[in-house]
């Protein structure tokens, strides 16, 4: 049985590792932090993905407002990229990332 013309039978599976890597990259981008300093753990939220994100945030923002809007943006982007429903995104901030001051030579 096929779903339409040209459809190939089979299925696509996205591994936990791939979901974690995707969520980590999105979280790092939205937090303004290096990917290597962000950690994401996946869980279940009533059948949807639950993201537990730990990492620093970029300097110069209102932390509460930034974290709230960032959590919503991460949920939306991860859902769009993976095709999975994201039920929650909990963010634990571990520090502030500042741009390095570069000396002019």
PDB file of N, CA and C in Angstrom:
ATOM      1  N   UNK A   1       0.843  -1.180   0.000  1.00  0.00           N
ATOM      2  CA  UNK A   1       0.000   0.000   0.000  1.00  0.00           C
ATOM      3  C   UNK A   1       0.888   1.242   0.000  1.00  0.00           C
ATOM      4  N   UNK A   2       0.590   2.185  -0.866  1.00  0.00           N
ATOM      5  CA  UNK A   2       1.346   3.427  -0.926  1.00  0.00           C
ATOM      6  C   UNK A   2       0.413   4.597  -0.653  1.00  0.00           C
ATOM      7  N   UNK A   3       0.995   5.718  -0.244  1.00  0.00           N
ATOM      8  CA  UNK A   3       0.205   6.886   0.088  1.00  0.00           C
ATOM      9  C   UNK A   3      -0.078   7.767  -1.119  1.00  0.00           C
ATOM     10  N   UNK A   4       0.570   7.545  -2.206  1.00  0.00           N
ATOM     11  CA  UNK A   4       0.340   8.369  -3.388  1.00  0.00           C
ATOM     12  C   UNK A   4       1.304   8.005  -4.482  1.00  0.00           C
ATOM     13  N   UNK A   5       1.186   8.674  -5.609  1.00  0.00           N
ATOM     14  CA  UNK A   5       2.082   8.375  -6.718  1.00  0.00           C
ATOM     15  C   UNK A   5       3.532   8.687  -6.354  1.00  0.00           C
ATOM     16  N   UNK A   6       4.393   7.739  -6.637  1.00  0.00           N
ATOM     17  CA  UNK A   6       5.817   7.932  -6.381  1.00  0.00           C
ATOM     18  C   UNK A   6       6.226   7.722  -4.934  1.00  0.00           C
ATOM     19  N   UNK A   7       5.292   7.347  -4.075  1.00  0.00           N
ATOM     20  CA  UNK A   7       5.623   7.133  -2.662  1.00  0.00           C
ATOM     21  C   UNK A   7       6.445   5.861  -2.515  1.00  0.00           C
ATOM     22  N   UNK A   8       7.434   5.916  -1.695  1.00  0.00           N
ATOM     23  CA  UNK A   8       8.298   4.776  -1.446  1.00  0.00           C
ATOM     24  C   UNK A   8       7.893   4.163  -0.112  1.00  0.00           C
ATOM     25  N   UNK A   9       7.638   2.852  -0.115  1.00  0.00           N
ATOM     26  CA  UNK A   9       7.248   2.235   1.149  1.00  0.00           C
ATOM     27  C   UNK A   9       8.410   2.272   2.148  1.00  0.00           C
ATOM     28  N   UNK A  10       8.077   2.378   3.403  1.00  0.00           N
ATOM     29  CA  UNK A  10       9.092   2.405   4.442  1.00  0.00           C
ATOM     30  C   UNK A  10       8.767   3.451   5.477  1.00  0.00           C
ATOM     31  N   UNK A  11       9.739   3.733   6.299  1.00  0.00           N
ATOM     32  CA  UNK A  11       9.540   4.733   7.334  1.00  0.00           C
ATOM     33  C   UNK A  11      10.856   5.433   7.646  1.00  0.00           C
ATOM     34  N   UNK A  12      10.753   6.544   8.295  1.00  0.00           N
ATOM     35  CA  UNK A  12      11.922   7.312   8.691  1.00  0.00           C
ATOM     36  C   UNK A  12      11.949   7.342  10.206  1.00  0.00           C
ATOM     37  N   UNK A  13      13.094   7.002  10.774  1.00  0.00           N
ATOM     38  CA  UNK A  13      13.259   7.063  12.221  1.00  0.00           C
ATOM     39  C   UNK A  13      14.337   8.079  12.551  1.00  0.00           C
ATOM     40  N   UNK A  14      14.030   8.951  13.498  1.00  0.00           N
ATOM     41  CA  UNK A  14      14.993   9.927  13.960  1.00  0.00           C
ATOM     42  C   UNK A  14      15.455   9.461  15.337  1.00  0.00           C
ATOM     43  N   UNK A  15      16.749   9.250  15.477  1.00  0.00           N
ATOM     44  CA  UNK A  15      17.275   8.714  16.729  1.00  0.00           C
ATOM     45  C   UNK A  15      17.263   9.769  17.836  1.00  0.00           C
ATOM     46  N   UNK A  16      17.336   9.295  19.048  1.00  0.00           N
ATOM     47  CA  UNK A  16      17.409  10.185  20.202  1.00  0.00           C
ATOM     48  C   UNK A  16      18.627  11.083  20.101  1.00  0.00           C
ATOM     49  N   UNK A  17      19.720  10.526  19.622  1.00  0.00           N
ATOM     50  CA  UNK A  17      20.951  11.305  19.479  1.00  0.00           C
ATOM     51  C   UNK A  17      20.759  12.461  18.495  1.00  0.00           C
ATOM     52  N   UNK A  18      20.075  12.190  17.384  1.00  0.00           N
ATOM     53  CA  UNK A  18      19.821  13.239  16.390  1.00  0.00           C
ATOM     54  C   UNK A  18      18.884  14.309  16.951  1.00  0.00           C
ATOM     55  N   UNK A  19      17.854  13.896  17.674  1.00  0.00           N
ATOM     56  CA  UNK A  19      16.940  14.864  18.291  1.00  0.00           C
ATOM     57  C   UNK A  19      17.672  15.740  19.306  1.00  0.00           C
ATOM     58  N   UNK A  20      18.532  15.112  20.097  1.00  0.00           N
ATOM     59  CA  UNK A  20      19.296  15.848  21.097  1.00  0.00           C
ATOM     60  C   UNK A  20      20.240  16.843  20.443  1.00  0.00           C
ATOM     61  N   UNK A  21      20.938  16.422  19.400  1.00  0.00           N
ATOM     62  CA  UNK A  21      21.864  17.315  18.691  1.00  0.00           C
ATOM     63  C   UNK A  21      21.137  18.492  18.077  1.00  0.00           C
ATOM     64  N   UNK A  22      19.988  18.242  17.494  1.00  0.00           N
ATOM     65  CA  UNK A  22      19.193  19.303  16.886  1.00  0.00           C
ATOM     66  C   UNK A  22      18.742  20.303  17.954  1.00  0.00           C
ATOM     67  N   UNK A  23      18.198  19.792  19.040  1.00  0.00           N
ATOM     68  CA  UNK A  23      17.715  20.666  20.117  1.00  0.00           C
ATOM     69  C   UNK A  23      18.871  21.459  20.735  1.00  0.00           C
ATOM     70  N   UNK A  24      20.021  20.839  20.853  1.00  0.00           N
ATOM     71  CA  UNK A  24      21.195  21.510  21.421  1.00  0.00           C
ATOM     72  C   UNK A  24      21.646  22.672  20.526  1.00  0.00           C
ATOM     73  N   UNK A  25      21.674  22.450  19.224  1.00  0.00           N
ATOM     74  CA  UNK A  25      22.074  23.497  18.286  1.00  0.00           C
ATOM     75  C   UNK A  25      21.079  24.658  18.310  1.00  0.00           C
ATOM     76  N   UNK A  26      19.797  24.345  18.338  1.00  0.00           N
ATOM     77  CA  UNK A  26      18.769  25.387  18.383  1.00  0.00           C
ATOM     78  C   UNK A  26      18.877  26.171  19.684  1.00  0.00           C
ATOM     79  N   UNK A  27      19.038  25.465  20.803  1.00  0.00           N
ATOM     80  CA  UNK A  27      19.133  26.128  22.106  1.00  0.00           C
ATOM     81  C   UNK A  27      20.359  27.044  22.174  1.00  0.00           C
ATOM     82  N   UNK A  28      21.485  26.567  21.695  1.00  0.00           N
ATOM     83  CA  UNK A  28      22.707  27.376  21.715  1.00  0.00           C
ATOM     84  C   UNK A  28      22.532  28.640  20.881  1.00  0.00           C
ATOM     85  N   UNK A  29      21.934  28.487  19.719  1.00  0.00           N
ATOM     86  CA  UNK A  29      21.702  29.641  18.852  1.00  0.00           C
ATOM     87  C   UNK A  29      20.785  30.658  19.532  1.00  0.00           C
ATOM     88  N   UNK A  30      19.695  30.193  20.103  1.00  0.00           N
ATOM     89  CA  UNK A  30      18.721  31.094  20.732  1.00  0.00           C
ATOM     90  C   UNK A  30      19.259  31.734  22.007  1.00  0.00           C
ATOM     91  N   UNK A  31      20.101  31.002  22.751  1.00  0.00           N
ATOM     92  CA  UNK A  31      20.679  31.553  23.977  1.00  0.00           C
ATOM     93  C   UNK A  31      21.871  32.469  23.694  1.00  0.00           C
ATOM     94  N   UNK A  32      22.426  32.363  22.494  1.00  0.00           N
ATOM     95  CA  UNK A  32      23.610  33.144  22.150  1.00  0.00           C
ATOM     96  C   UNK A  32      24.861  32.591  22.815  1.00  0.00           C
ATOM     97  N   UNK A  33      24.912  31.278  22.962  1.00  0.00           N
ATOM     98  CA  UNK A  33      26.014  30.606  23.651  1.00  0.00           C
ATOM     99  C   UNK A  33      26.687  29.606  22.722  1.00  0.00           C
ATOM    100  N   UNK A  34      27.953  29.280  23.006  1.00  0.00           N
ATOM    101  CA  UNK A  34      28.620  28.245  22.213  1.00  0.00           C
ATOM    102  C   UNK A  34      27.935  26.888  22.422  1.00  0.00           C
ATOM    103  N   UNK A  35      27.793  26.133  21.358  1.00  0.00           N
ATOM    104  CA  UNK A  35      27.125  24.832  21.430  1.00  0.00           C
ATOM    105  C   UNK A  35      27.768  23.918  22.461  1.00  0.00           C
ATOM    106  N   UNK A  36      29.097  23.977  22.577  1.00  0.00           N
ATOM    107  CA  UNK A  36      29.792  23.078  23.504  1.00  0.00           C
ATOM    108  C   UNK A  36      29.459  23.361  24.966  1.00  0.00           C
ATOM    109  N   UNK A  37      28.884  24.538  25.255  1.00  0.00           N
ATOM    110  CA  UNK A  37      28.541  24.878  26.635  1.00  0.00           C
ATOM    111  C   UNK A  37      27.064  24.644  26.964  1.00  0.00           C
ATOM    112  N   UNK A  38      26.302  24.116  26.001  1.00  0.00           N
ATOM    113  CA  UNK A  38      24.870  23.873  26.195  1.00  0.00           C
ATOM    114  C   UNK A  38      24.623  22.367  26.256  1.00  0.00           C
ATOM    115  N   UNK A  39      23.799  21.969  27.221  1.00  0.00           N
ATOM    116  CA  UNK A  39      23.434  20.556  27.353  1.00  0.00           C
ATOM    117  C   UNK A  39      21.915  20.443  27.251  1.00  0.00           C
ATOM    118  N   UNK A  40      21.439  19.414  26.550  1.00  0.00           N
ATOM    119  CA  UNK A  40      20.004  19.173  26.416  1.00  0.00           C
ATOM    120  C   UNK A  40      19.720  17.723  26.758  1.00  0.00           C
ATOM    121  N   UNK A  41      18.745  17.517  27.626  1.00  0.00           N
ATOM    122  CA  UNK A  41      18.253  16.177  27.948  1.00  0.00           C
ATOM    123  C   UNK A  41      16.810  16.099  27.473  1.00  0.00           C
ATOM    124  N   UNK A  42      16.457  14.959  26.868  1.00  0.00           N
ATOM    125  CA  UNK A  42      15.101  14.757  26.373  1.00  0.00           C
ATOM    126  C   UNK A  42      14.291  13.951  27.366  1.00  0.00           C
ATOM    127  N   UNK A  43      13.018  14.256  27.418  1.00  0.00           N
ATOM    128  CA  UNK A  43      12.103  13.499  28.266  1.00  0.00           C
ATOM    129  C   UNK A  43      10.748  13.427  27.593  1.00  0.00           C
ATOM    130  N   UNK A  44       9.765  12.985  28.354  1.00  0.00           N
ATOM    131  CA  UNK A  44       8.413  12.828  27.844  1.00  0.00           C
ATOM    132  C   UNK A  44       7.479  13.776  28.592  1.00  0.00           C
ATOM    133  N   UNK A  45       6.649  14.482  27.841  1.00  0.00           N
ATOM    134  CA  UNK A  45       5.640  15.371  28.426  1.00  0.00           C
ATOM    135  C   UNK A  45       4.293  14.973  27.835  1.00  0.00           C
ATOM    136  N   UNK A  46       3.686  13.926  28.396  1.00  0.00           N
ATOM    137  CA  UNK A  46       2.389  13.420  27.916  1.00  0.00           C
ATOM    138  C   UNK A  46       2.409  13.102  26.423  1.00  0.00           C
ATOM    139  N   UNK A  47       3.434  12.393  25.996  1.00  0.00           N
ATOM    140  CA  UNK A  47       3.549  11.986  24.600  1.00  0.00           C
ATOM    141  C   UNK A  47       4.310  12.954  23.717  1.00  0.00           C
ATOM    142  N   UNK A  48       4.637  14.118  24.222  1.00  0.00           N
ATOM    143  CA  UNK A  48       5.415  15.099  23.465  1.00  0.00           C
ATOM    144  C   UNK A  48       6.827  15.132  24.032  1.00  0.00           C
ATOM    145  N   UNK A  49       7.732  15.759  23.304  1.00  0.00           N
ATOM    146  CA  UNK A  49       9.096  15.913  23.802  1.00  0.00           C
ATOM    147  C   UNK A  49       9.144  16.941  24.926  1.00  0.00           C
ATOM    148  N   UNK A  50       9.925  16.654  25.927  1.00  0.00           N
ATOM    149  CA  UNK A  50      10.213  17.613  26.986  1.00  0.00           C
ATOM    150  C   UNK A  50      11.716  17.877  26.917  1.00  0.00           C
ATOM    151  N   UNK A  51      12.095  19.136  26.825  1.00  0.00           N
ATOM    152  CA  UNK A  51      13.503  19.509  26.726  1.00  0.00           C
ATOM    153  C   UNK A  51      13.956  20.111  28.048  1.00  0.00           C
ATOM    154  N   UNK A  52      15.052  19.595  28.573  1.00  0.00           N
ATOM    155  CA  UNK A  52      15.694  20.174  29.750  1.00  0.00           C
ATOM    156  C   UNK A  52      17.019  20.744  29.267  1.00  0.00           C
ATOM    157  N   UNK A  53      17.109  22.065  29.228  1.00  0.00           N
ATOM    158  CA  UNK A  53      18.255  22.760  28.642  1.00  0.00           C
ATOM    159  C   UNK A  53      19.064  23.410  29.751  1.00  0.00           C
ATOM    160  N   UNK A  54      20.375  23.207  29.703  1.00  0.00           N
ATOM    161  CA  UNK A  54      21.282  23.809  30.675  1.00  0.00           C
ATOM    162  C   UNK A  54      22.390  24.517  29.910  1.00  0.00           C
ATOM    163  N   UNK A  55      22.617  25.793  30.228  1.00  0.00           N
ATOM    164  CA  UNK A  55      23.688  26.519  29.565  1.00  0.00           C
ATOM    165  C   UNK A  55      23.649  27.995  29.879  1.00  0.00           C
ATOM    166  N   UNK A  56      24.633  28.733  29.393  1.00  0.00           N
ATOM    167  CA  UNK A  56      24.704  30.174  29.626  1.00  0.00           C
ATOM    168  C   UNK A  56      23.838  30.949  28.634  1.00  0.00           C
ATOM    169  N   UNK A  57      23.622  32.217  28.930  1.00  0.00           N
ATOM    170  CA  UNK A  57      22.860  33.105  28.050  1.00  0.00           C
ATOM    171  C   UNK A  57      23.749  34.286  27.678  1.00  0.00           C
ATOM    172  N   UNK A  58      23.471  34.899  26.541  1.00  0.00           N
ATOM    173  CA  UNK A  58      24.253  36.060  26.103  1.00  0.00           C
ATOM    174  C   UNK A  58      24.047  37.232  27.055  1.00  0.00           C
ATOM    175  N   UNK A  59      25.086  38.009  27.249  1.00  0.00           N
ATOM    176  CA  UNK A  59      25.026  39.179  28.131  1.00  0.00           C
ATOM    177  C   UNK A  59      24.165  40.265  27.520  1.00  0.00           C
ATOM    178  N   UNK A  60      23.679  41.146  28.386  1.00  0.00           N
ATOM    179  CA  UNK A  60      22.980  42.316  27.910  1.00  0.00           C
ATOM    180  C   UNK A  60      21.496  42.146  27.697  1.00  0.00           C
ATOM    181  N   UNK A  61      20.906  41.113  28.275  1.00  0.00           N
ATOM    182  CA  UNK A  61      19.477  40.932  28.115  1.00  0.00           C
ATOM    183  C   UNK A  61      18.810  40.810  29.476  1.00  0.00           C
ATOM    184  N   UNK A  62      17.514  41.092  29.516  1.00  0.00           N
ATOM    185  CA  UNK A  62      16.736  40.871  30.718  1.00  0.00           C
ATOM    186  C   UNK A  62      16.587  39.357  30.849  1.00  0.00           C
ATOM    187  N   UNK A  63      17.183  38.765  31.859  1.00  0.00           N
ATOM    188  CA  UNK A  63      17.258  37.310  31.960  1.00  0.00           C
ATOM    189  C   UNK A  63      15.897  36.632  32.004  1.00  0.00           C
ATOM    190  N   UNK A  64      14.977  37.146  32.783  1.00  0.00           N
ATOM    191  CA  UNK A  64      13.665  36.506  32.907  1.00  0.00           C
ATOM    192  C   UNK A  64      12.907  36.575  31.588  1.00  0.00           C
ATOM    193  N   UNK A  65      12.838  37.756  31.005  1.00  0.00           N
ATOM    194  CA  UNK A  65      12.127  37.926  29.738  1.00  0.00           C
ATOM    195  C   UNK A  65      12.794  37.128  28.623  1.00  0.00           C
ATOM    196  N   UNK A  66      14.106  37.186  28.564  1.00  0.00           N
ATOM    197  CA  UNK A  66      14.844  36.472  27.525  1.00  0.00           C
ATOM    198  C   UNK A  66      14.645  34.961  27.642  1.00  0.00           C
ATOM    199  N   UNK A  67      14.677  34.446  28.854  1.00  0.00           N
ATOM    200  CA  UNK A  67      14.534  33.003  29.050  1.00  0.00           C
ATOM    201  C   UNK A  67      13.131  32.537  28.682  1.00  0.00           C
ATOM    202  N   UNK A  68      12.136  33.294  29.049  1.00  0.00           N
ATOM    203  CA  UNK A  68      10.751  32.928  28.727  1.00  0.00           C
ATOM    204  C   UNK A  68      10.522  32.904  27.224  1.00  0.00           C
ATOM    205  N   UNK A  69      10.939  33.954  26.537  1.00  0.00           N
ATOM    206  CA  UNK A  69      10.738  33.998  25.083  1.00  0.00           C
ATOM    207  C   UNK A  69      11.633  32.987  24.372  1.00  0.00           C
ATOM    208  N   UNK A  70      12.814  32.743  24.920  1.00  0.00           N
ATOM    209  CA  UNK A  70      13.729  31.769  24.331  1.00  0.00           C
ATOM    210  C   UNK A  70      13.161  30.360  24.423  1.00  0.00           C
ATOM    211  N   UNK A  71      12.551  30.012  25.536  1.00  0.00           N
ATOM    212  CA  UNK A  71      11.956  28.680  25.695  1.00  0.00           C
ATOM    213  C   UNK A  71      10.876  28.450  24.644  1.00  0.00           C
ATOM    214  N   UNK A  72      10.030  29.441  24.425  1.00  0.00           N
ATOM    215  CA  UNK A  72       8.976  29.316  23.417  1.00  0.00           C
ATOM    216  C   UNK A  72       9.568  29.199  22.012  1.00  0.00           C
ATOM    217  N   UNK A  73      10.600  29.985  21.727  1.00  0.00           N
ATOM    218  CA  UNK A  73      11.244  29.938  20.407  1.00  0.00           C
ATOM    219  C   UNK A  73      11.927  28.585  20.175  1.00  0.00           C
ATOM    220  N   UNK A  74      12.549  28.050  21.212  1.00  0.00           N
ATOM    221  CA  UNK A  74      13.209  26.743  21.091  1.00  0.00           C
ATOM    222  C   UNK A  74      12.179  25.658  20.830  1.00  0.00           C
ATOM    223  N   UNK A  75      11.076  25.671  21.588  1.00  0.00           N
ATOM    224  CA  UNK A  75      10.011  24.667  21.377  1.00  0.00           C
ATOM    225  C   UNK A  75       9.507  24.714  19.940  1.00  0.00           C
ATOM    226  N   UNK A  76       9.227  25.901  19.452  1.00  0.00           N
ATOM    227  CA  UNK A  76       8.696  26.068  18.110  1.00  0.00           C
ATOM    228  C   UNK A  76       9.682  25.607  17.037  1.00  0.00           C
ATOM    229  N   UNK A  77      10.940  26.013  17.163  1.00  0.00           N
ATOM    230  CA  UNK A  77      11.952  25.682  16.148  1.00  0.00           C
ATOM    231  C   UNK A  77      12.282  24.189  16.135  1.00  0.00           C
ATOM    232  N   UNK A  78      12.439  23.593  17.308  1.00  0.00           N
ATOM    233  CA  UNK A  78      12.732  22.153  17.367  1.00  0.00           C
ATOM    234  C   UNK A  78      11.562  21.366  16.777  1.00  0.00           C
ATOM    235  N   UNK A  79      10.353  21.789  17.077  1.00  0.00           N
ATOM    236  CA  UNK A  79       9.177  21.125  16.523  1.00  0.00           C
ATOM    237  C   UNK A  79       9.153  21.223  15.003  1.00  0.00           C
ATOM    238  N   UNK A  80       9.448  22.402  14.475  1.00  0.00           N
ATOM    239  CA  UNK A  80       9.456  22.603  13.020  1.00  0.00           C
ATOM    240  C   UNK A  80      10.542  21.770  12.339  1.00  0.00           C
ATOM    241  N   UNK A  81      11.710  21.686  12.956  1.00  0.00           N
ATOM    242  CA  UNK A  81      12.822  20.954  12.340  1.00  0.00           C
ATOM    243  C   UNK A  81      12.669  19.441  12.425  1.00  0.00           C
ATOM    244  N   UNK A  82      12.095  18.950  13.497  1.00  0.00           N
ATOM    245  CA  UNK A  82      12.035  17.503  13.712  1.00  0.00           C
ATOM    246  C   UNK A  82      10.692  16.873  13.372  1.00  0.00           C
ATOM    247  N   UNK A  83       9.657  17.694  13.270  1.00  0.00           N
ATOM    248  CA  UNK A  83       8.328  17.142  13.021  1.00  0.00           C
ATOM    249  C   UNK A  83       7.713  16.513  14.255  1.00  0.00           C
ATOM    250  N   UNK A  84       8.299  16.766  15.407  1.00  0.00           N
ATOM    251  CA  UNK A  84       7.789  16.226  16.677  1.00  0.00           C
ATOM    252  C   UNK A  84       7.134  17.338  17.472  1.00  0.00           C
ATOM    253  N   UNK A  85       6.134  16.966  18.258  1.00  0.00           N
ATOM    254  CA  UNK A  85       5.501  17.944  19.142  1.00  0.00           C
ATOM    255  C   UNK A  85       6.374  18.130  20.371  1.00  0.00           C
ATOM    256  N   UNK A  86       6.688  19.371  20.689  1.00  0.00           N
ATOM    257  CA  UNK A  86       7.502  19.684  21.866  1.00  0.00           C
ATOM    258  C   UNK A  86       6.571  20.278  22.917  1.00  0.00           C
ATOM    259  N   UNK A  87       6.421  19.556  24.022  1.00  0.00           N
ATOM    260  CA  UNK A  87       5.486  19.969  25.058  1.00  0.00           C
ATOM    261  C   UNK A  87       6.047  20.987  26.023  1.00  0.00           C
ATOM    262  N   UNK A  88       7.335  20.881  26.328  1.00  0.00           N
ATOM    263  CA  UNK A  88       7.918  21.815  27.292  1.00  0.00           C
ATOM    264  C   UNK A  88       9.406  21.990  27.031  1.00  0.00           C
ATOM    265  N   UNK A  89       9.890  23.144  27.457  1.00  0.00           N
ATOM    266  CA  UNK A  89      11.327  23.427  27.396  1.00  0.00           C
ATOM    267  C   UNK A  89      11.676  24.147  28.699  1.00  0.00           C
ATOM    268  N   UNK A  90      12.427  23.475  29.550  1.00  0.00           N
ATOM    269  CA  UNK A  90      12.859  24.053  30.821  1.00  0.00           C
ATOM    270  C   UNK A  90      14.307  24.474  30.657  1.00  0.00           C
ATOM    271  N   UNK A  91      14.613  25.723  30.987  1.00  0.00           N
ATOM    272  CA  UNK A  91      15.968  26.241  30.818  1.00  0.00           C
ATOM    273  C   UNK A  91      16.567  26.566  32.176  1.00  0.00           C
ATOM    274  N   UNK A  92      17.751  26.022  32.421  1.00  0.00           N
ATOM    275  CA  UNK A  92      18.519  26.343  33.619  1.00  0.00           C
ATOM    276  C   UNK A  92      19.745  27.125  33.169  1.00  0.00           C
ATOM    277  N   UNK A  93      19.811  28.384  33.567  1.00  0.00           N
ATOM    278  CA  UNK A  93      20.941  29.221  33.170  1.00  0.00           C
ATOM    279  C   UNK A  93      22.130  28.974  34.085  1.00  0.00           C
ATOM    280  N   UNK A  94      23.292  28.795  33.475  1.00  0.00           N
ATOM    281  CA  UNK A  94      24.502  28.490  34.246  1.00  0.00           C
ATOM    282  C   UNK A  94      25.522  29.618  34.230  1.00  0.00           C
ATOM    283  N   UNK A  95      25.239  30.672  33.496  1.00  0.00           N
ATOM    284  CA  UNK A  95      26.192  31.774  33.434  1.00  0.00           C
ATOM    285  C   UNK A  95      25.818  32.748  32.339  1.00  0.00           C
ATOM    286  N   UNK A  96      26.717  33.689  32.126  1.00  0.00           N
ATOM    287  CA  UNK A  96      26.525  34.707  31.099  1.00  0.00           C
ATOM    288  C   UNK A  96      27.714  34.674  30.153  1.00  0.00           C
ATOM    289  N   UNK A  97      27.423  34.685  28.863  1.00  0.00           N
ATOM    290  CA  UNK A  97      28.456  34.690  27.833  1.00  0.00           C
ATOM    291  C   UNK A  97      28.646  36.125  27.384  1.00  0.00           C
ATOM    292  N   UNK A  98      29.872  36.571  27.407  1.00  0.00           N
ATOM    293  CA  UNK A  98      30.193  37.924  26.946  1.00  0.00           C
ATOM    294  C   UNK A  98      31.105  37.823  25.744  1.00  0.00           C
ATOM    295  N   UNK A  99      30.925  38.760  24.841  1.00  0.00           N
ATOM    296  CA  UNK A  99      31.823  38.794  23.692  1.00  0.00           C
ATOM    297  C   UNK A  99      33.194  39.218  24.173  1.00  0.00           C
ATOM    298  N   UNK A 100      34.192  38.613  23.624  1.00  0.00           N
ATOM    299  CA  UNK A 100      35.565  38.967  24.003  1.00  0.00           C
ATOM    300  C   UNK A 100      35.916  40.338  23.456  1.00  0.00           C
ATOM    301  N   UNK A 101      36.548  41.120  24.296  1.00  0.00           N
ATOM    302  CA  UNK A 101      37.060  42.405  23.832  1.00  0.00           C
ATOM    303  C   UNK A 101      38.347  42.150  23.080  1.00  0.00           C
ATOM    304  N   UNK A 102      38.401  42.570  21.845  1.00  0.00           N
ATOM    305  CA  UNK A 102      39.607  42.346  21.048  1.00  0.00           C
ATOM    306  C   UNK A 102      40.414  43.634  21.005  1.00  0.00           C
ATOM    307  N   UNK A 103      41.694  43.465  21.168  1.00  0.00           N
ATOM    308  CA  UNK A 103      42.589  44.623  21.119  1.00  0.00           C
ATOM    309  C   UNK A 103      42.882  44.971  19.676  1.00  0.00           C
ATOM    310  N   UNK A 104      42.953  46.256  19.422  1.00  0.00           N
ATOM    311  CA  UNK A 104      43.294  46.741  18.083  1.00  0.00           C
ATOM    312  C   UNK A 104      44.796  46.891  18.030  1.00  0.00           C
ATOM    313  N   UNK A 105      45.374  46.371  16.979  1.00  0.00           N
ATOM    314  CA  UNK A 105      46.840  46.475  16.832  1.00  0.00           C
ATOM    315  C   UNK A 105      47.213  47.520  15.839  1.00  0.00           C
TER     316      UNK A 105
END
